[in-house]
Amino acid sequence: VQLQASGGGLVQVGGSLRLSCAASGSIFSINDMGWYRQYPGKQRELVAGITTGGYTNFPDSVKGRFTISRDNAKNTVYLQMNSLKPEDTAVYYCYVVLGQKPPHLYWGQGTQVTVSS
């Protein structure tokens, strides 16, 4: 299983970016999908998650600014980031949890998001 993330880049404060992450390979079904981010020297932290049923989860730091969606037909998850702040600058990693037993989590390669002030 491979995850290909795209959409990162440089944006000014208050701007928007949309990240995409497409999963490919031997995929029977996908349960949860989402995004983490990582600051230098820090552990990854959850940015957004979405379940098969569409339930979403966000930390307070991004609520109201970020939205997450998924296209099950394309095995793709999206992260729309609005009103970006300098503290959103980080490397963003997508993940999927495949519907196998036991469930297995796969990570995409990181994509850099830089918000300039």
N, C-alpha and C. Protein backbone atom coordinates (compact mmCIF):
# COMPACT_ATOMS: atom_id res chain seq x y z
N VAL A 1 0.85 -1.18 0.00
CA VAL A 1 0.00 0.00 0.00
C VAL A 1 0.90 1.24 0.00
N GLN A 2 0.59 2.17 -0.88
CA GLN A 2 1.35 3.41 -0.96
C GLN A 2 0.40 4.59 -0.84
N LEU A 3 0.86 5.63 -0.14
CA LEU A 3 0.11 6.85 -0.01
C LEU A 3 0.90 7.99 -0.64
N GLN A 4 0.27 8.70 -1.53
CA GLN A 4 0.92 9.81 -2.22
C GLN A 4 0.24 11.11 -1.81
N ALA A 5 0.98 11.92 -1.07
CA ALA A 5 0.44 13.20 -0.60
C ALA A 5 0.91 14.32 -1.51
N SER A 6 0.07 15.32 -1.64
CA SER A 6 0.42 16.49 -2.45
C SER A 6 -0.33 17.70 -1.93
N GLY A 7 0.11 18.87 -2.39
CA GLY A 7 -0.60 20.09 -2.07
C GLY A 7 0.09 21.01 -1.09
N GLY A 8 1.18 20.59 -0.51
CA GLY A 8 1.88 21.47 0.42
C GLY A 8 2.56 22.61 -0.31
N GLY A 9 3.08 23.55 0.46
CA GLY A 9 3.77 24.67 -0.15
C GLY A 9 3.87 25.84 0.78
N LEU A 10 4.18 26.98 0.19
CA LEU A 10 4.34 28.23 0.92
C LEU A 10 3.12 29.11 0.71
N VAL A 11 2.59 29.64 1.81
CA VAL A 11 1.41 30.49 1.74
C VAL A 11 1.54 31.59 2.79
N GLN A 12 0.90 32.70 2.54
CA GLN A 12 0.94 33.80 3.50
C GLN A 12 -0.09 33.61 4.59
N VAL A 13 0.12 34.29 5.69
CA VAL A 13 -0.84 34.24 6.79
C VAL A 13 -2.23 34.60 6.28
N GLY A 14 -3.21 33.79 6.71
CA GLY A 14 -4.57 34.01 6.28
C GLY A 14 -4.94 33.31 5.00
N GLY A 15 -3.96 32.72 4.35
CA GLY A 15 -4.21 32.02 3.10
C GLY A 15 -4.75 30.62 3.30
N SER A 16 -4.89 29.92 2.19
CA SER A 16 -5.45 28.57 2.20
C SER A 16 -4.59 27.62 1.39
N LEU A 17 -4.65 26.37 1.80
CA LEU A 17 -4.03 25.29 1.06
C LEU A 17 -4.93 24.07 1.14
N ARG A 18 -4.85 23.23 0.13
CA ARG A 18 -5.59 21.98 0.14
C ARG A 18 -4.61 20.83 -0.08
N LEU A 19 -4.56 19.96 0.88
CA LEU A 19 -3.72 18.78 0.78
C LEU A 19 -4.55 17.60 0.30
N SER A 20 -3.93 16.75 -0.50
CA SER A 20 -4.57 15.53 -0.97
C SER A 20 -3.66 14.35 -0.68
N CYS A 21 -4.28 13.21 -0.49
CA CYS A 21 -3.51 11.99 -0.24
C CYS A 21 -4.27 10.82 -0.83
N ALA A 22 -3.66 10.18 -1.80
CA ALA A 22 -4.29 9.06 -2.49
C ALA A 22 -3.59 7.76 -2.12
N ALA A 23 -4.38 6.79 -1.74
CA ALA A 23 -3.86 5.47 -1.40
C ALA A 23 -4.01 4.53 -2.58
N SER A 24 -2.99 3.71 -2.78
CA SER A 24 -3.03 2.75 -3.89
C SER A 24 -2.38 1.45 -3.44
N GLY A 25 -2.63 0.40 -4.20
CA GLY A 25 -2.06 -0.90 -3.87
C GLY A 25 -3.16 -1.90 -3.53
N SER A 26 -2.78 -2.87 -2.71
CA SER A 26 -3.71 -3.94 -2.33
C SER A 26 -4.63 -3.44 -1.21
N ILE A 27 -5.70 -2.80 -1.63
CA ILE A 27 -6.63 -2.21 -0.67
C ILE A 27 -7.99 -2.85 -0.84
N PHE A 28 -8.46 -3.51 0.20
CA PHE A 28 -9.81 -4.06 0.18
C PHE A 28 -10.80 -3.05 0.71
N SER A 29 -10.44 -2.45 1.84
CA SER A 29 -11.29 -1.42 2.40
C SER A 29 -10.45 -0.54 3.31
N ILE A 30 -10.90 0.69 3.45
CA ILE A 30 -10.22 1.66 4.31
C ILE A 30 -11.16 2.08 5.42
N ASN A 31 -10.68 2.04 6.62
CA ASN A 31 -11.46 2.54 7.76
C ASN A 31 -11.18 4.03 7.93
N ASP A 32 -10.38 4.38 8.88
CA ASP A 32 -10.10 5.78 9.15
C ASP A 32 -9.05 6.34 8.20
N MET A 33 -9.14 7.63 7.96
CA MET A 33 -8.16 8.36 7.18
C MET A 33 -7.92 9.69 7.88
N GLY A 34 -6.79 10.31 7.60
CA GLY A 34 -6.58 11.60 8.22
C GLY A 34 -5.18 12.14 8.03
N TRP A 35 -4.90 13.14 8.86
CA TRP A 35 -3.64 13.87 8.77
C TRP A 35 -3.07 14.13 10.15
N TYR A 36 -1.76 14.01 10.24
CA TYR A 36 -0.99 14.46 11.39
C TYR A 36 -0.02 15.53 10.90
N ARG A 37 0.53 16.25 11.83
CA ARG A 37 1.63 17.16 11.48
C ARG A 37 2.73 17.03 12.52
N GLN A 38 3.90 17.44 12.11
CA GLN A 38 5.06 17.30 12.98
C GLN A 38 5.93 18.53 12.90
N TYR A 39 6.21 19.10 14.08
CA TYR A 39 7.15 20.21 14.18
C TYR A 39 8.55 19.64 14.41
N PRO A 40 9.58 20.37 14.04
CA PRO A 40 10.95 19.88 14.26
C PRO A 40 11.19 19.50 15.72
N GLY A 41 11.68 18.31 15.93
CA GLY A 41 11.99 17.85 17.27
C GLY A 41 10.81 17.45 18.12
N LYS A 42 9.63 17.44 17.53
CA LYS A 42 8.41 17.11 18.27
C LYS A 42 7.77 15.85 17.71
N GLN A 43 6.87 15.27 18.50
CA GLN A 43 6.11 14.12 18.02
C GLN A 43 5.00 14.58 17.09
N ARG A 44 4.55 13.67 16.28
CA ARG A 44 3.43 13.98 15.40
C ARG A 44 2.17 14.20 16.23
N GLU A 45 1.35 15.14 15.76
CA GLU A 45 0.08 15.41 16.44
C GLU A 45 -1.05 15.35 15.42
N LEU A 46 -2.18 14.89 15.89
CA LEU A 46 -3.33 14.76 15.00
C LEU A 46 -3.82 16.14 14.57
N VAL A 47 -4.08 16.27 13.29
CA VAL A 47 -4.66 17.48 12.74
C VAL A 47 -6.13 17.27 12.39
N ALA A 48 -6.42 16.14 11.79
CA ALA A 48 -7.80 15.85 11.40
C ALA A 48 -7.93 14.37 11.09
N GLY A 49 -9.08 13.82 11.46
CA GLY A 49 -9.37 12.42 11.15
C GLY A 49 -10.79 12.30 10.66
N ILE A 50 -11.03 11.29 9.84
CA ILE A 50 -12.38 11.05 9.33
C ILE A 50 -12.59 9.55 9.25
N THR A 51 -13.74 9.11 9.75
CA THR A 51 -14.05 7.69 9.76
C THR A 51 -14.77 7.31 8.47
N THR A 52 -15.02 6.03 8.33
CA THR A 52 -15.76 5.54 7.16
C THR A 52 -17.13 6.19 7.08
N GLY A 53 -17.74 6.41 8.22
CA GLY A 53 -19.07 7.00 8.26
C GLY A 53 -19.08 8.51 8.15
N GLY A 54 -17.90 9.11 8.03
CA GLY A 54 -17.86 10.55 7.86
C GLY A 54 -17.71 11.34 9.15
N TYR A 55 -17.55 10.65 10.27
CA TYR A 55 -17.33 11.38 11.52
C TYR A 55 -15.94 11.99 11.48
N THR A 56 -15.87 13.27 11.85
CA THR A 56 -14.59 13.98 11.80
C THR A 56 -14.12 14.36 13.19
N ASN A 57 -12.83 14.53 13.31
CA ASN A 57 -12.21 14.84 14.59
C ASN A 57 -11.09 15.84 14.36
N PHE A 58 -11.13 16.93 15.13
CA PHE A 58 -10.11 17.98 15.01
C PHE A 58 -9.67 18.43 16.40
N PRO A 59 -8.41 18.78 16.56
CA PRO A 59 -7.99 19.42 17.81
C PRO A 59 -8.48 20.86 17.82
N ASP A 60 -8.53 21.45 18.99
CA ASP A 60 -9.03 22.82 19.11
C ASP A 60 -8.20 23.80 18.28
N SER A 61 -6.93 23.50 18.08
CA SER A 61 -6.04 24.43 17.38
C SER A 61 -6.44 24.66 15.93
N VAL A 62 -7.19 23.75 15.34
CA VAL A 62 -7.56 23.90 13.93
C VAL A 62 -9.07 23.92 13.70
N LYS A 63 -9.84 23.71 14.74
CA LYS A 63 -11.29 23.70 14.58
C LYS A 63 -11.76 25.02 13.99
N GLY A 64 -12.67 24.91 13.04
CA GLY A 64 -13.21 26.10 12.40
C GLY A 64 -12.36 26.62 11.26
N ARG A 65 -11.15 26.12 11.14
CA ARG A 65 -10.26 26.56 10.06
C ARG A 65 -9.97 25.44 9.06
N PHE A 66 -9.88 24.22 9.56
CA PHE A 66 -9.56 23.08 8.71
C PHE A 66 -10.80 22.21 8.53
N THR A 67 -10.94 21.65 7.36
CA THR A 67 -11.96 20.64 7.12
C THR A 67 -11.32 19.44 6.44
N ILE A 68 -11.91 18.29 6.67
CA ILE A 68 -11.40 17.06 6.08
C ILE A 68 -12.52 16.37 5.34
N SER A 69 -12.20 15.76 4.24
CA SER A 69 -13.17 15.02 3.47
C SER A 69 -12.48 13.83 2.81
N ARG A 70 -13.27 12.91 2.31
CA ARG A 70 -12.70 11.72 1.67
C ARG A 70 -13.54 11.33 0.47
N ASP A 71 -12.88 10.76 -0.50
CA ASP A 71 -13.54 10.22 -1.68
C ASP A 71 -13.23 8.73 -1.67
N ASN A 72 -14.17 7.94 -1.24
CA ASN A 72 -13.94 6.51 -1.08
C ASN A 72 -13.69 5.81 -2.42
N ALA A 73 -14.29 6.31 -3.46
CA ALA A 73 -14.10 5.70 -4.79
C ALA A 73 -12.66 5.88 -5.27
N LYS A 74 -12.03 6.94 -4.79
CA LYS A 74 -10.65 7.23 -5.20
C LYS A 74 -9.64 6.92 -4.11
N ASN A 75 -10.11 6.39 -2.97
CA ASN A 75 -9.22 6.12 -1.84
C ASN A 75 -8.36 7.34 -1.50
N THR A 76 -9.03 8.48 -1.48
CA THR A 76 -8.31 9.75 -1.30
C THR A 76 -8.92 10.53 -0.15
N VAL A 77 -8.04 11.17 0.61
CA VAL A 77 -8.46 12.04 1.69
C VAL A 77 -7.92 13.44 1.42
N TYR A 78 -8.72 14.44 1.77
CA TYR A 78 -8.36 15.83 1.52
C TYR A 78 -8.36 16.60 2.84
N LEU A 79 -7.49 17.57 2.91
CA LEU A 79 -7.46 18.48 4.05
C LEU A 79 -7.48 19.91 3.52
N GLN A 80 -8.56 20.59 3.75
CA GLN A 80 -8.69 22.00 3.36
C GLN A 80 -8.29 22.85 4.55
N MET A 81 -7.28 23.65 4.36
CA MET A 81 -6.76 24.49 5.45
C MET A 81 -6.98 25.95 5.10
N ASN A 82 -7.77 26.62 5.89
CA ASN A 82 -8.07 28.04 5.70
C ASN A 82 -7.55 28.85 6.87
N SER A 83 -7.48 30.13 6.65
CA SER A 83 -7.03 31.07 7.70
C SER A 83 -5.74 30.58 8.35
N LEU A 84 -4.81 30.25 7.52
CA LEU A 84 -3.57 29.65 8.01
C LEU A 84 -2.76 30.62 8.86
N LYS A 85 -2.11 30.07 9.87
CA LYS A 85 -1.31 30.84 10.81
C LYS A 85 0.14 30.35 10.77
N PRO A 86 1.06 31.17 11.22
CA PRO A 86 2.46 30.73 11.23
C PRO A 86 2.66 29.42 12.01
N GLU A 87 1.87 29.23 13.05
CA GLU A 87 2.02 28.01 13.85
C GLU A 87 1.49 26.77 13.14
N ASP A 88 0.91 26.93 11.98
CA ASP A 88 0.52 25.78 11.18
C ASP A 88 1.69 25.26 10.35
N THR A 89 2.78 25.99 10.36
CA THR A 89 3.98 25.55 9.64
C THR A 89 4.50 24.26 10.22
N ALA A 90 4.55 23.22 9.40
CA ALA A 90 4.97 21.90 9.85
C ALA A 90 5.03 20.96 8.64
N VAL A 91 5.50 19.77 8.89
CA VAL A 91 5.39 18.72 7.89
C VAL A 91 4.11 17.94 8.16
N TYR A 92 3.29 17.78 7.14
CA TYR A 92 2.00 17.12 7.28
C TYR A 92 2.07 15.71 6.70
N TYR A 93 1.57 14.76 7.46
CA TYR A 93 1.57 13.35 7.06
C TYR A 93 0.14 12.82 7.00
N CYS A 94 -0.20 12.19 5.90
CA CYS A 94 -1.50 11.54 5.84
C CYS A 94 -1.38 10.09 6.32
N TYR A 95 -2.50 9.54 6.70
CA TYR A 95 -2.53 8.14 7.13
C TYR A 95 -3.85 7.51 6.71
N VAL A 96 -3.81 6.20 6.58
CA VAL A 96 -5.02 5.41 6.39
C VAL A 96 -4.93 4.19 7.29
N VAL A 97 -6.07 3.76 7.74
CA VAL A 97 -6.17 2.51 8.50
C VAL A 97 -6.99 1.54 7.66
N LEU A 98 -6.34 0.49 7.22
CA LEU A 98 -7.03 -0.47 6.37
C LEU A 98 -7.95 -1.37 7.19
N GLY A 99 -9.04 -1.77 6.54
CA GLY A 99 -10.04 -2.59 7.20
C GLY A 99 -9.68 -4.06 7.18
N GLN A 100 -8.53 -4.38 7.69
CA GLN A 100 -8.10 -5.78 7.76
C GLN A 100 -7.98 -6.15 9.23
N LYS A 101 -7.81 -7.43 9.52
CA LYS A 101 -7.70 -7.87 10.90
C LYS A 101 -6.34 -8.49 11.14
N PRO A 102 -5.51 -7.90 12.01
CA PRO A 102 -5.81 -6.67 12.74
C PRO A 102 -5.66 -5.44 11.84
N PRO A 103 -6.28 -4.34 12.20
CA PRO A 103 -6.16 -3.13 11.38
C PRO A 103 -4.70 -2.68 11.29
N HIS A 104 -4.35 -2.11 10.14
CA HIS A 104 -2.98 -1.68 9.95
C HIS A 104 -2.98 -0.24 9.47
N LEU A 105 -2.10 0.56 10.06
CA LEU A 105 -2.00 1.97 9.71
C LEU A 105 -0.83 2.18 8.76
N TYR A 106 -1.08 2.92 7.72
CA TYR A 106 -0.04 3.27 6.76
C TYR A 106 0.12 4.78 6.73
N TRP A 107 1.36 5.20 6.57
CA TRP A 107 1.67 6.63 6.50
C TRP A 107 2.07 7.03 5.08
N GLY A 108 1.70 8.25 4.71
CA GLY A 108 2.22 8.82 3.50
C GLY A 108 3.53 9.54 3.76
N GLN A 109 4.17 9.97 2.69
CA GLN A 109 5.37 10.78 2.87
C GLN A 109 4.94 12.16 3.33
N GLY A 110 5.75 12.84 4.02
CA GLY A 110 5.38 14.16 4.52
C GLY A 110 5.36 15.20 3.42
N THR A 111 4.53 16.20 3.63
CA THR A 111 4.51 17.34 2.73
C THR A 111 4.63 18.61 3.57
N GLN A 112 5.54 19.47 3.17
CA GLN A 112 5.83 20.66 3.95
C GLN A 112 4.80 21.75 3.71
N VAL A 113 4.30 22.30 4.79
CA VAL A 113 3.43 23.47 4.73
C VAL A 113 4.14 24.59 5.48
N THR A 114 4.34 25.71 4.81
CA THR A 114 5.01 26.85 5.41
C THR A 114 4.10 28.07 5.29
N VAL A 115 3.82 28.69 6.43
CA VAL A 115 2.97 29.88 6.46
C VAL A 115 3.85 31.06 6.85
N SER A 116 3.96 32.01 5.95
CA SER A 116 4.84 33.16 6.20
C SER A 116 4.03 34.35 6.69
N SER A 117 4.64 35.10 7.59
CA SER A 117 3.93 36.25 8.18
C SER A 117 4.39 37.56 7.60
